[in-house]
Amino acid sequence: MSLTEKIFGSKPDGQTSKRASRKAKAVSVAMLSAMLSLTACTRDYTVAYVYATAAGGGGTGVINEYGVDYQSGALVPISGSPVAAGNNPVKAVATSNGLFLYVVNQGDSNVQLFAVGSDGKLTSKATYKTGTNPTSAALDAANKFLYVTYTYQPGYSATNAGPGGITVFPVNADNTLGTATNVNVGNNPTGIVTTNFNNYVYVIDAEPAVGSGSPYGVLLAFSQNASSGALTPIGKTVISTDVTGRTVAAGYGAGTSPSGIAVDPASRFVYVTDRATNQLYGNIVIAGGLLQPMQNSPFATGLLPISVTVDPRGKYLYVANYNSSTVGAYVINASTGAATGAVGSNATNVGTGPNCVAIEPALGIYLYTADNQGNTTSGLQLDPHNGTLKPAQNQPYPASGTPTCVVAVANGAHATQVVNP
């Protein structure tokens, strides 16, 4: 049956046929126009938002706001970007629904709550005091508690170095933060992660040299009380005090100067970068959240690895190498957790001095770095079949201030990859 027959219900004749022919052409043009319009709309679709924190001058900081093009991964600045933040924002974490950000302002020793608008624009809502000189943060899987590591317990400072701790905030239903509690840890905690399953928290400490000894790194393991947020040391982790009353932390080995930490989505493996030795340490999570070093760990990285992340599928791992200005790509062995360099993509160039790396959760194929020395945000596209990387369109992208970290959220109700253990 012809299109005209479908329109009129029977085979037309004469004038009816001509009218039908004209109507069929009009319908065809309209359909084609709609299809082209849909294609154009889809081509411009923003699949995610990226936020790059940056230090500014005069005790101020900013957050660079970008939209992510779904087809190319290119970043487009959001109108009005950047938005003001506190003094030296060094870390940002997002709620799992992508509607709120918590930004750690190191210079102000506080955490700042931002709401993410439907257009990706950030709106500051409140600030909350943390311990002195905060360094990192993590939300638990249920988004019920925010953990912020800080450098100095009361009575200590840069001129009187001492142990640090973790500020534990309960998260209210409206994502504001409740009254904080504290957990003491060792010297200079630099990173923290939480697991998606079984409620474990892992912290890296960079311990200074004592006497004639050398600096060393410690990986601390805790179990989390899902109701109260309280942390209990597990395994080799021991938090105690010495004869002077200073907090002393012992735990698992983490190289010399641990700089970055990540856990895979299935909560089976924990990875730590050591910026002093240019290595990546891998640990297997065993019963009770305890850790066991991976066979053949540590693994080689580029120069000064400072940040590490695992892709949403749990198949690939990426390291930002500050001095090499590269991102290293690795394939994760599903059984052992061992990290093997991805073929042809072990050192992909990005902007100068990448010090943070993140993957957008909407498609899970676009990776971004905050380039501290280049004043840019770089973008790469990962191949989900083998983990290799290639530059995103028109990258790197200009950024205001001196970039310190980067985080990405999905735009709307996009599916986020979930990996079951």
Protein backbone atom coordinates (compact mmCIF):
# COMPACT_ATOMS: atom_id res chain seq x y z
CA MET A 1 0.00 0.00 0.00
CA SER A 2 1.30 3.43 -0.93
CA LEU A 3 1.64 6.34 1.48
CA THR A 4 -1.38 8.04 -0.15
CA GLU A 5 -3.47 4.92 0.36
CA LYS A 6 -2.50 4.87 4.02
CA ILE A 7 -3.59 8.48 4.33
CA PHE A 8 -6.95 8.16 2.51
CA GLY A 9 -7.78 4.53 3.30
CA SER A 10 -8.18 3.52 -0.41
CA LYS A 11 -6.58 4.02 -3.78
CA PRO A 12 -7.43 7.60 -4.92
CA ASP A 13 -8.15 8.85 -8.43
CA GLY A 14 -7.56 12.12 -10.35
CA GLN A 15 -7.62 15.20 -8.17
CA THR A 16 -7.70 13.13 -5.03
CA SER A 17 -4.48 11.49 -6.13
CA LYS A 18 -2.81 14.87 -6.69
CA ARG A 19 -3.98 16.16 -3.32
CA ALA A 20 -2.82 12.97 -1.69
CA SER A 21 0.55 13.23 -3.40
CA ARG A 22 1.01 16.79 -2.12
CA LYS A 23 -0.05 15.76 1.38
CA ALA A 24 2.28 12.77 1.33
CA LYS A 25 5.18 15.00 0.34
CA ALA A 26 4.29 17.42 3.15
CA VAL A 27 4.18 14.57 5.63
CA SER A 28 7.53 13.28 4.39
CA VAL A 29 9.12 16.72 4.66
CA ALA A 30 7.70 17.17 8.16
CA MET A 31 8.98 13.78 9.23
CA LEU A 32 12.43 14.49 7.77
CA SER A 33 12.49 17.91 9.43
CA ALA A 34 11.58 16.38 12.77
CA MET A 35 14.30 13.77 12.40
CA LEU A 36 16.91 16.40 11.54
CA SER A 37 15.73 18.55 14.42
CA LEU A 38 16.03 15.60 16.79
CA THR A 39 19.50 14.83 15.51
CA ALA A 40 20.62 18.43 15.94
CA CYS A 41 19.14 18.56 19.42
CA THR A 42 20.78 15.28 20.38
CA ARG A 43 24.13 16.40 18.97
CA ASP A 44 24.12 19.38 21.31
CA TYR A 45 22.93 17.43 24.33
CA THR A 46 24.76 17.99 27.63
CA VAL A 47 25.22 14.59 29.20
CA ALA A 48 27.11 15.68 32.33
CA TYR A 49 28.66 18.60 34.18
CA VAL A 50 32.29 19.00 35.21
CA TYR A 51 33.51 21.21 38.04
CA ALA A 52 37.16 22.18 38.48
CA THR A 53 38.14 23.82 41.76
CA ALA A 54 40.90 26.41 41.57
CA ALA A 55 42.87 28.64 43.91
CA GLY A 56 42.64 32.35 43.23
CA GLY A 57 44.48 35.41 44.39
CA GLY A 58 43.84 37.38 47.56
CA GLY A 59 42.54 34.47 49.61
CA THR A 60 39.75 33.58 47.21
CA GLY A 61 38.99 30.52 45.17
CA VAL A 62 36.67 29.60 42.30
CA ILE A 63 34.95 26.64 40.72
CA ASN A 64 35.04 26.39 36.93
CA GLU A 65 31.73 25.04 35.61
CA TYR A 66 31.42 23.12 32.32
CA GLY A 67 28.84 21.16 30.37
CA VAL A 68 29.92 17.89 28.70
CA ASP A 69 28.93 17.31 25.07
CA TYR A 70 27.59 13.76 24.88
CA GLN A 71 29.08 13.02 21.46
CA SER A 72 32.62 14.37 21.83
CA GLY A 73 33.24 14.87 25.54
CA ALA A 74 34.17 18.51 24.82
CA LEU A 75 33.69 20.95 27.69
CA VAL A 76 31.59 24.09 27.23
CA PRO A 77 31.76 26.75 29.99
CA ILE A 78 28.44 27.34 31.71
CA SER A 79 27.15 30.90 31.52
CA GLY A 80 28.47 32.91 34.46
CA SER A 81 31.31 30.51 35.22
CA PRO A 82 33.34 30.46 37.40
CA VAL A 83 31.47 30.63 40.68
CA ALA A 84 33.16 31.90 43.86
CA ALA A 85 34.39 29.41 46.44
CA GLY A 86 36.39 29.75 49.66
CA ASN A 87 40.12 30.15 50.15
CA ASN A 88 42.08 27.50 48.22
CA PRO A 89 39.46 24.84 47.42
CA VAL A 90 41.36 21.56 47.10
CA LYS A 91 38.72 18.83 46.81
CA ALA A 92 35.12 18.42 45.65
CA VAL A 93 32.83 15.42 46.09
CA ALA A 94 29.33 14.98 44.68
CA THR A 95 26.28 13.23 46.06
CA SER A 96 25.33 10.10 44.16
CA ASN A 97 22.27 11.82 42.64
CA GLY A 98 24.48 14.63 41.30
CA LEU A 99 22.41 17.37 42.93
CA PHE A 100 24.90 18.63 45.52
CA LEU A 101 28.65 19.22 45.86
CA TYR A 102 30.78 19.45 48.99
CA VAL A 103 33.91 21.54 48.42
CA VAL A 104 36.86 21.50 50.83
CA ASN A 105 38.33 24.99 51.29
CA GLN A 106 41.76 24.36 52.74
CA GLY A 107 42.60 28.00 53.50
CA ASP A 108 39.37 28.51 55.45
CA SER A 109 39.40 25.08 57.13
CA ASN A 110 35.80 24.48 56.12
CA VAL A 111 33.59 22.55 53.73
CA GLN A 112 31.15 24.40 51.50
CA LEU A 113 27.81 23.01 50.30
CA PHE A 114 26.69 23.81 46.73
CA ALA A 115 23.43 22.91 45.01
CA VAL A 116 23.63 21.87 41.35
CA GLY A 117 20.97 23.62 39.26
CA SER A 118 19.09 22.04 36.35
CA ASP A 119 21.40 24.04 34.07
CA GLY A 120 24.52 22.88 35.93
CA LYS A 121 25.01 26.19 37.68
CA LEU A 122 26.25 25.98 41.28
CA THR A 123 24.66 27.87 44.16
CA SER A 124 26.43 28.14 47.52
CA LYS A 125 24.20 27.09 50.42
CA ALA A 126 26.31 26.93 53.59
CA THR A 127 29.77 26.40 55.06
CA TYR A 128 30.82 24.13 57.92
CA LYS A 129 33.98 24.18 60.02
CA THR A 130 36.42 21.26 59.75
CA GLY A 131 39.72 20.47 61.43
CA THR A 132 42.66 22.72 60.55
CA ASN A 133 44.00 22.53 56.98
CA PRO A 134 41.64 19.92 55.46
CA THR A 135 43.05 17.83 52.61
CA SER A 136 40.40 15.49 51.20
CA ALA A 137 36.83 14.23 51.60
CA ALA A 138 34.55 11.30 50.81
CA LEU A 139 30.84 10.49 51.12
CA ASP A 140 29.73 7.03 52.21
CA ALA A 141 27.72 4.93 49.77
CA ALA A 142 24.40 5.88 51.36
CA ASN A 143 25.23 9.60 51.31
CA LYS A 144 24.58 9.69 55.07
CA PHE A 145 28.04 10.80 56.23
CA LEU A 146 30.76 13.08 54.91
CA TYR A 147 34.34 12.35 56.01
CA VAL A 148 36.93 15.14 55.76
CA THR A 149 40.61 14.53 56.50
CA TYR A 150 42.56 17.39 58.07
CA THR A 151 46.21 18.03 58.86
CA TYR A 152 46.44 19.39 62.42
CA GLN A 153 44.69 18.44 65.61
CA PRO A 154 44.13 21.28 68.12
CA GLY A 155 47.43 22.63 69.41
CA TYR A 156 49.38 21.84 66.25
CA SER A 157 50.13 23.89 63.14
CA ALA A 158 52.60 24.26 60.29
CA THR A 159 55.16 25.68 62.75
CA ASN A 160 54.40 22.99 65.33
CA ALA A 161 53.68 19.95 63.20
CA GLY A 162 51.60 17.22 64.72
CA PRO A 163 48.96 14.61 63.99
CA GLY A 164 45.74 15.15 62.06
CA GLY A 165 42.31 13.62 62.00
CA ILE A 166 38.96 13.08 60.30
CA THR A 167 35.96 15.36 60.73
CA VAL A 168 32.78 13.25 60.49
CA PHE A 169 29.62 15.09 59.42
CA PRO A 170 26.15 13.50 59.41
CA VAL A 171 24.28 14.44 56.21
CA ASN A 172 20.70 15.60 56.71
CA ALA A 173 17.82 14.79 54.37
CA ASP A 174 18.22 18.17 52.64
CA ASN A 175 21.98 17.56 52.29
CA THR A 176 22.92 20.14 54.90
CA LEU A 177 25.45 18.89 57.46
CA GLY A 178 24.81 18.15 61.11
CA THR A 179 27.04 18.43 64.18
CA ALA A 180 30.47 16.97 63.47
CA THR A 181 32.46 14.45 65.47
CA ASN A 182 36.17 13.69 65.26
CA VAL A 183 38.48 10.71 64.72
CA ASN A 184 42.21 11.11 65.41
CA VAL A 185 44.69 9.65 62.94
CA GLY A 186 48.41 10.00 62.25
CA ASN A 187 50.47 12.72 60.65
CA ASN A 188 49.38 14.40 57.44
CA PRO A 189 46.35 12.39 56.23
CA THR A 190 46.22 13.14 52.51
CA GLY A 191 43.37 11.05 51.11
CA ILE A 192 40.25 9.09 52.03
CA VAL A 193 37.83 6.72 50.26
CA THR A 194 34.70 4.81 51.23
CA THR A 195 33.49 1.52 49.77
CA ASN A 196 30.22 0.88 47.96
CA PHE A 197 29.72 -2.37 49.87
CA ASN A 198 30.26 -3.54 53.46
CA ASN A 199 30.92 -0.06 54.93
CA TYR A 200 34.71 0.33 55.00
CA VAL A 201 36.77 3.52 55.00
CA TYR A 202 40.45 3.78 54.02
CA VAL A 203 42.81 6.69 54.74
CA ILE A 204 46.38 7.40 53.60
CA ASP A 205 48.85 9.06 55.97
CA ALA A 206 52.21 10.50 54.95
CA GLU A 207 54.35 9.99 58.04
CA PRO A 208 57.48 12.17 58.45
CA ALA A 209 60.97 10.91 59.14
CA VAL A 210 61.72 10.30 62.82
CA GLY A 211 65.32 10.62 64.01
CA SER A 212 67.57 8.96 61.45
CA GLY A 213 64.66 7.18 59.79
CA SER A 214 63.00 7.89 56.46
CA PRO A 215 59.50 9.18 55.66
CA TYR A 216 56.95 6.43 55.15
CA GLY A 217 53.34 5.99 54.18
CA VAL A 218 50.56 4.29 56.11
CA LEU A 219 47.23 2.99 54.86
CA LEU A 220 44.62 2.96 57.62
CA ALA A 221 41.53 0.76 57.52
CA PHE A 222 38.27 1.35 59.38
CA SER A 223 34.84 -0.22 59.56
CA GLN A 224 31.97 2.27 59.46
CA ASN A 225 28.92 2.16 61.66
CA ALA A 226 26.19 2.73 59.07
CA SER A 227 23.88 4.32 61.67
CA SER A 228 26.24 6.66 63.53
CA GLY A 229 29.10 7.09 61.05
CA ALA A 230 31.61 6.10 63.74
CA LEU A 231 34.88 4.59 62.53
CA THR A 232 36.53 1.59 64.20
CA PRO A 233 40.14 0.62 63.33
CA ILE A 234 40.44 -2.87 61.82
CA GLY A 235 43.26 -5.25 60.94
CA LYS A 236 46.73 -3.75 61.32
CA THR A 237 45.31 -0.29 61.98
CA VAL A 238 46.10 0.91 65.49
CA ILE A 239 45.50 4.47 66.72
CA SER A 240 47.33 5.22 69.99
CA THR A 241 49.21 7.98 71.81
CA ASP A 242 52.90 8.22 72.65
CA VAL A 243 54.48 9.37 75.91
CA THR A 244 54.06 13.02 74.88
CA GLY A 245 50.34 12.57 74.23
CA ARG A 246 50.65 12.80 70.45
CA THR A 247 48.48 10.54 68.31
CA VAL A 248 50.38 7.73 66.60
CA ALA A 249 48.86 5.69 63.77
CA ALA A 250 50.07 2.31 62.53
CA GLY A 251 48.59 0.38 59.63
CA TYR A 252 49.34 -1.16 56.26
CA GLY A 253 52.33 -0.14 54.14
CA ALA A 254 51.71 2.58 51.57
CA GLY A 255 55.11 3.40 50.11
CA THR A 256 56.99 6.54 51.10
CA SER A 257 54.73 9.51 50.31
CA PRO A 258 51.16 8.35 49.51
CA SER A 259 49.40 10.96 47.40
CA GLY A 260 46.21 9.44 45.98
CA ILE A 261 43.81 6.62 46.85
CA ALA A 262 40.97 4.88 45.02
CA VAL A 263 38.76 1.82 45.49
CA ASP A 264 37.08 -0.12 42.69
CA PRO A 265 33.25 0.03 42.48
CA ALA A 266 32.86 -3.56 43.71
CA SER A 267 34.95 -2.80 46.83
CA ARG A 268 37.46 -5.55 46.10
CA PHE A 269 40.66 -3.57 45.50
CA VAL A 270 42.30 -0.48 47.03
CA TYR A 271 44.99 1.43 45.12
CA VAL A 272 47.46 4.03 46.44
CA THR A 273 49.87 6.20 44.44
CA ASP A 274 53.29 7.00 45.90
CA ARG A 275 54.57 10.26 44.47
CA ALA A 276 58.08 9.83 45.90
CA THR A 277 58.85 6.49 44.24
CA ASN A 278 56.60 6.77 41.13
CA GLN A 279 54.67 3.66 41.99
CA LEU A 280 51.12 2.38 42.39
CA TYR A 281 50.42 0.09 45.33
CA GLY A 282 47.57 -2.41 45.06
CA ASN A 283 45.74 -4.13 47.91
CA ILE A 284 43.06 -6.82 47.92
CA VAL A 285 40.15 -6.33 50.33
CA ILE A 286 39.73 -9.60 52.21
CA ALA A 287 37.26 -10.73 54.89
CA GLY A 288 36.34 -8.05 57.39
CA GLY A 289 37.75 -5.22 55.27
CA LEU A 290 41.35 -6.19 55.98
CA LEU A 291 43.96 -5.63 53.27
CA GLN A 292 46.41 -7.93 51.54
CA PRO A 293 49.10 -6.68 49.11
CA MET A 294 48.55 -7.74 45.51
CA GLN A 295 51.02 -10.03 43.83
CA ASN A 296 53.62 -8.03 41.86
CA SER A 297 52.61 -4.79 43.59
CA PRO A 298 53.79 -2.02 43.38
CA PHE A 299 53.29 -1.12 39.70
CA ALA A 300 55.26 1.54 37.82
CA THR A 301 53.70 4.94 37.05
CA GLY A 302 54.84 8.17 35.42
CA LEU A 303 56.67 10.91 37.31
CA LEU A 304 55.05 12.17 40.52
CA PRO A 305 51.73 10.28 40.47
CA ILE A 306 49.37 12.41 42.52
CA SER A 307 45.84 11.15 41.83
CA VAL A 308 44.18 7.87 40.88
CA THR A 309 40.66 6.80 39.88
CA VAL A 310 38.87 3.65 38.69
CA ASP A 311 36.32 3.75 35.86
CA PRO A 312 32.63 3.14 36.76
CA ARG A 313 32.75 -0.39 35.31
CA GLY A 314 35.67 -1.37 37.56
CA LYS A 315 37.73 -2.52 34.57
CA TYR A 316 40.31 0.26 34.16
CA LEU A 317 42.44 2.48 36.35
CA TYR A 318 43.90 5.91 35.58
CA VAL A 319 46.75 7.81 37.25
CA ALA A 320 47.50 11.53 36.90
CA ASN A 321 51.28 12.00 36.70
CA TYR A 322 52.05 15.58 37.74
CA ASN A 323 55.63 15.92 36.55
CA SER A 324 55.07 13.90 33.36
CA SER A 325 51.90 15.84 32.48
CA THR A 326 50.32 12.55 31.48
CA VAL A 327 47.53 10.18 32.46
CA GLY A 328 48.55 6.55 32.77
CA ALA A 329 45.96 3.93 31.74
CA TYR A 330 45.83 0.44 33.26
CA VAL A 331 43.69 -2.66 32.83
CA ILE A 332 42.55 -4.21 36.13
CA ASN A 333 42.80 -7.99 36.33
CA ALA A 334 39.32 -9.03 37.46
CA SER A 335 40.66 -11.87 39.63
CA THR A 336 43.84 -10.46 41.17
CA GLY A 337 43.39 -6.71 40.84
CA ALA A 338 46.81 -6.36 39.22
CA ALA A 339 47.18 -3.21 37.10
CA THR A 340 48.66 -3.71 33.64
CA GLY A 341 49.39 -0.84 31.26
CA ALA A 342 46.70 -0.46 28.60
CA VAL A 343 48.10 -1.12 25.13
CA GLY A 344 49.16 2.08 23.36
CA SER A 345 47.87 4.37 26.11
CA ASN A 346 50.19 4.08 29.09
CA ALA A 347 51.19 7.77 28.93
CA THR A 348 48.66 10.06 27.27
CA ASN A 349 49.60 13.75 27.35
CA VAL A 350 47.34 16.29 29.05
CA GLY A 351 47.82 19.87 30.29
CA THR A 352 50.80 20.80 32.46
CA GLY A 353 50.79 19.50 36.01
CA PRO A 354 47.64 17.34 36.29
CA ASN A 355 46.91 16.90 39.98
CA CYS A 356 43.42 15.38 39.96
CA VAL A 357 41.56 12.98 37.67
CA ALA A 358 37.85 12.09 37.41
CA ILE A 359 35.48 10.22 35.06
CA GLU A 360 31.96 11.42 34.34
CA PRO A 361 29.37 8.89 35.58
CA ALA A 362 26.72 9.34 32.87
CA LEU A 363 28.44 7.46 30.04
CA GLY A 364 31.62 6.54 31.89
CA ILE A 365 33.81 7.24 28.84
CA TYR A 366 35.06 10.81 29.33
CA LEU A 367 37.94 11.54 31.71
CA TYR A 368 39.07 14.95 32.94
CA THR A 369 42.10 16.35 34.78
CA ALA A 370 42.68 19.59 36.65
CA ASP A 371 45.98 20.95 35.30
CA ASN A 372 47.60 22.87 38.13
CA GLN A 373 50.43 24.47 36.17
CA GLY A 374 48.65 24.82 32.85
CA ASN A 375 45.57 26.66 34.17
CA THR A 376 43.44 24.29 32.11
CA THR A 377 41.09 21.35 32.40
CA SER A 378 42.02 18.48 30.07
CA GLY A 379 39.63 15.94 28.55
CA LEU A 380 40.24 12.41 27.30
CA GLN A 381 37.97 9.71 25.91
CA LEU A 382 38.48 6.14 27.09
CA ASP A 383 37.73 3.12 24.97
CA PRO A 384 35.39 0.89 27.03
CA HIS A 385 36.72 -2.17 25.18
CA ASN A 386 40.38 -1.84 26.20
CA GLY A 387 40.75 1.23 28.42
CA THR A 388 42.99 3.17 26.05
CA LEU A 389 42.75 6.95 25.88
CA LYS A 390 42.59 9.61 23.21
CA PRO A 391 42.20 13.40 23.46
CA ALA A 392 38.68 14.81 23.56
CA GLN A 393 37.68 17.43 21.03
CA ASN A 394 39.42 20.82 21.39
CA GLN A 395 41.08 19.98 24.69
CA PRO A 396 42.58 21.31 26.93
CA TYR A 397 39.97 23.82 28.07
CA PRO A 398 40.74 27.18 29.72
CA ALA A 399 40.20 27.44 33.48
CA SER A 400 40.22 30.42 35.81
CA GLY A 401 42.63 30.38 38.75
CA THR A 402 45.07 27.58 39.52
CA PRO A 403 43.18 24.26 39.17
CA THR A 404 43.37 21.91 42.13
CA CYS A 405 40.76 19.19 41.61
CA VAL A 406 37.93 18.07 39.33
CA VAL A 407 34.62 16.26 39.81
CA ALA A 408 31.83 15.27 37.40
CA VAL A 409 28.09 14.62 37.80
CA ALA A 410 25.49 13.22 35.42
CA ASN A 411 22.94 15.61 33.92
CA GLY A 412 19.52 14.38 34.96
CA ALA A 413 18.39 10.78 35.23
CA HIS A 414 21.17 9.16 33.24
CA ALA A 415 22.05 5.63 34.22
CA THR A 416 25.25 5.31 36.21
CA GLN A 417 27.17 2.09 35.75
CA VAL A 418 26.83 -0.21 38.77
CA VAL A 419 29.23 -3.06 39.37
CA ASN A 420 28.03 -5.88 41.61
CA PRO A 421 30.56 -7.79 43.67
